[in-house]
C-alpha atoms as a PDB file:
ATOM      1  CA  MET A   1      -0.040   0.031  -0.021  1.00  0.00           C
ATOM      2  CA  THR A   2       1.404   3.366  -0.912  1.00  0.00           C
ATOM      3  CA  ARG A   3       0.659   6.404   1.042  1.00  0.00           C
ATOM      4  CA  HIS A   4       0.359   9.940  -0.281  1.00  0.00           C
ATOM      5  CA  VAL A   5       0.681  13.348   1.236  1.00  0.00           C
ATOM      6  CA  PRO A   6      -2.672  14.931   0.874  1.00  0.00           C
ATOM      7  CA  GLU A   7      -2.491  17.696  -1.768  1.00  0.00           C
ATOM      8  CA  LEU A   8      -5.515  19.965  -1.257  1.00  0.00           C
ATOM      9  CA  SER A   9      -6.986  22.526  -3.577  1.00  0.00           C
ATOM     10  CA  LEU A  10      -7.547  26.152  -1.493  1.00  0.00           C
ATOM     11  CA  LYS A  11     -10.143  26.678  -4.074  1.00  0.00           C
ATOM     12  CA  ALA A  12     -12.428  23.617  -2.514  1.00  0.00           C
ATOM     13  CA  PHE A  13     -12.212  26.036   0.522  1.00  0.00           C
ATOM     14  CA  THR A  14     -12.211  29.437  -0.618  1.00  0.00           C
ATOM     15  CA  ASP A  15     -14.683  28.845  -3.269  1.00  0.00           C
ATOM     16  CA  GLY A  16     -16.443  25.776  -2.179  1.00  0.00           C
ATOM     17  CA  ASP A  17     -20.047  25.277  -0.508  1.00  0.00           C
ATOM     18  CA  ALA A  18     -20.186  24.381   3.202  1.00  0.00           C
ATOM     19  CA  ALA A  19     -19.780  20.651   2.373  1.00  0.00           C
ATOM     20  CA  GLU A  20     -16.686  21.499   0.367  1.00  0.00           C
ATOM     21  CA  ARG A  21     -15.296  23.262   3.020  1.00  0.00           C
ATOM     22  CA  ALA A  22     -15.734  20.880   5.663  1.00  0.00           C
ATOM     23  CA  ARG A  23     -14.138  18.163   3.421  1.00  0.00           C
ATOM     24  CA  PHE A  24     -11.098  20.523   2.919  1.00  0.00           C
ATOM     25  CA  SER A  25     -10.962  21.319   6.796  1.00  0.00           C
ATOM     26  CA  ASP A  26     -11.194  17.384   7.609  1.00  0.00           C
ATOM     27  CA  ALA A  27      -8.739  16.584   5.069  1.00  0.00           C
ATOM     28  CA  LEU A  28      -6.267  19.428   6.315  1.00  0.00           C
ATOM     29  CA  MET A  29      -6.611  17.875   9.682  1.00  0.00           C
ATOM     30  CA  ALA A  30      -5.889  14.761   8.676  1.00  0.00           C
ATOM     31  CA  GLY A  31      -2.904  15.703   6.691  1.00  0.00           C
ATOM     32  CA  LEU A  32      -1.322  17.605   9.509  1.00  0.00           C
ATOM     33  CA  GLN A  33      -1.907  14.463  11.822  1.00  0.00           C
ATOM     34  CA  ASP A  34      -0.781  12.069   9.627  1.00  0.00           C
ATOM     35  CA  TYR A  35       2.205  13.521   8.256  1.00  0.00           C
ATOM     36  CA  GLY A  36       2.759  17.195   9.817  1.00  0.00           C
ATOM     37  CA  PHE A  37       2.117  18.948   6.529  1.00  0.00           C
ATOM     38  CA  ILE A  38       0.082  18.886   3.368  1.00  0.00           C
ATOM     39  CA  ILE A  39       0.528  19.984  -0.271  1.00  0.00           C
ATOM     40  CA  LEU A  40      -1.672  23.007  -1.072  1.00  0.00           C
ATOM     41  CA  LYS A  41      -2.347  23.980  -4.714  1.00  0.00           C
ATOM     42  CA  ASP A  42      -4.342  26.672  -6.449  1.00  0.00           C
ATOM     43  CA  HIS A  43      -3.303  29.408  -3.818  1.00  0.00           C
ATOM     44  CA  ASN A  44      -2.200  32.496  -5.470  1.00  0.00           C
ATOM     45  CA  VAL A  45       1.139  33.104  -4.077  1.00  0.00           C
ATOM     46  CA  PRO A  46       3.523  33.832  -6.847  1.00  0.00           C
ATOM     47  CA  VAL A  47       6.429  31.152  -7.346  1.00  0.00           C
ATOM     48  CA  GLU A  48       8.718  33.916  -7.239  1.00  0.00           C
ATOM     49  CA  LEU A  49       7.783  34.667  -3.664  1.00  0.00           C
ATOM     50  CA  LEU A  50       7.999  31.246  -2.778  1.00  0.00           C
ATOM     51  CA  THR A  51      11.285  30.904  -4.260  1.00  0.00           C
ATOM     52  CA  ARG A  52      12.841  33.880  -2.254  1.00  0.00           C
ATOM     53  CA  ALA A  53      11.310  32.642   1.091  1.00  0.00           C
ATOM     54  CA  TYR A  54      12.883  29.505   0.436  1.00  0.00           C
ATOM     55  CA  GLY A  55      16.111  30.837  -0.215  1.00  0.00           C
ATOM     56  CA  LEU A  56      15.906  33.255   3.193  1.00  0.00           C
ATOM     57  CA  ALA A  57      15.230  29.993   5.075  1.00  0.00           C
ATOM     58  CA  GLU A  58      18.079  28.532   3.665  1.00  0.00           C
ATOM     59  CA  GLN A  59      20.513  31.371   4.665  1.00  0.00           C
ATOM     60  CA  VAL A  60      19.174  31.335   8.250  1.00  0.00           C
ATOM     61  CA  PHE A  61      19.656  27.603   8.819  1.00  0.00           C
ATOM     62  CA  ALA A  62      23.104  28.192   7.389  1.00  0.00           C
ATOM     63  CA  LEU A  63      23.842  30.639  10.045  1.00  0.00           C
ATOM     64  CA  PRO A  64      27.006  29.286  12.655  1.00  0.00           C
ATOM     65  CA  ASP A  65      25.233  26.996  15.163  1.00  0.00           C
ATOM     66  CA  ALA A  66      26.350  29.581  18.030  1.00  0.00           C
ATOM     67  CA  GLN A  67      24.374  32.249  16.238  1.00  0.00           C
ATOM     68  CA  LYS A  68      21.042  30.208  15.997  1.00  0.00           C
ATOM     69  CA  ARG A  69      21.304  28.491  19.374  1.00  0.00           C
ATOM     70  CA  HIS A  70      21.415  32.429  20.819  1.00  0.00           C
ATOM     71  CA  HIS A  71      17.670  32.444  19.337  1.00  0.00           C
ATOM     72  CA  ALA A  72      16.620  29.361  21.332  1.00  0.00           C
ATOM     73  CA  ARG A  73      13.931  29.735  23.585  1.00  0.00           C
ATOM     74  CA  GLY A  74      12.167  26.797  24.717  1.00  0.00           C
ATOM     75  CA  LEU A  75       8.822  26.563  22.997  1.00  0.00           C
ATOM     76  CA  ARG A  76       9.321  29.722  20.846  1.00  0.00           C
ATOM     77  CA  GLY A  77      12.307  30.297  18.616  1.00  0.00           C
ATOM     78  CA  TYR A  78      15.120  28.250  17.427  1.00  0.00           C
ATOM     79  CA  THR A  79      15.274  24.318  18.219  1.00  0.00           C
ATOM     80  CA  PRO A  80      18.576  23.004  17.769  1.00  0.00           C
ATOM     81  CA  PHE A  81      19.328  19.590  15.768  1.00  0.00           C
ATOM     82  CA  GLY A  82      19.011  16.716  18.136  1.00  0.00           C
ATOM     83  CA  VAL A  83      17.254  18.425  21.194  1.00  0.00           C
ATOM     84  CA  GLU A  84      13.682  16.972  20.737  1.00  0.00           C
ATOM     85  CA  HIS A  85      12.450  13.421  20.567  1.00  0.00           C
ATOM     86  CA  ALA A  86       9.262  11.870  19.768  1.00  0.00           C
ATOM     87  CA  LYS A  87       7.015  10.993  22.648  1.00  0.00           C
ATOM     88  CA  ASP A  88       8.072   7.549  24.323  1.00  0.00           C
ATOM     89  CA  ASN A  89      11.368   7.663  22.142  1.00  0.00           C
ATOM     90  CA  PRO A  90      14.913   7.950  23.813  1.00  0.00           C
ATOM     91  CA  HIS A  91      16.216   8.845  20.397  1.00  0.00           C
ATOM     92  CA  ALA A  92      16.664  12.678  19.366  1.00  0.00           C
ATOM     93  CA  ASP A  93      14.991  13.633  16.081  1.00  0.00           C
ATOM     94  CA  LEU A  94      16.879  14.648  13.342  1.00  0.00           C
ATOM     95  CA  LYS A  95      15.811  18.097  12.754  1.00  0.00           C
ATOM     96  CA  GLU A  96      16.149  21.567  13.353  1.00  0.00           C
ATOM     97  CA  PHE A  97      13.503  24.042  13.346  1.00  0.00           C
ATOM     98  CA  TRP A  98      12.573  27.531  13.831  1.00  0.00           C
END
């Protein structure tokens, strides 16, 4: 069985009737619960803006570790690589995030 990250159309929510908006909301929640994210299509965010945002994010995460750790604030701010772990799992997650 192959699983796929949900691909949702924003137009189903913005242009849809109550039933379509409810289906969108349910699929959004399921995608976030099952995968932590979804693929959103039919939005009006220009590709150039998305490309610029990804480039800026790459610059932030390329900063020296000491500079990033200056912004570690517990539940807010930066979380360094290997700090968090999944519930009931003693092994650190292999991610860093802001």
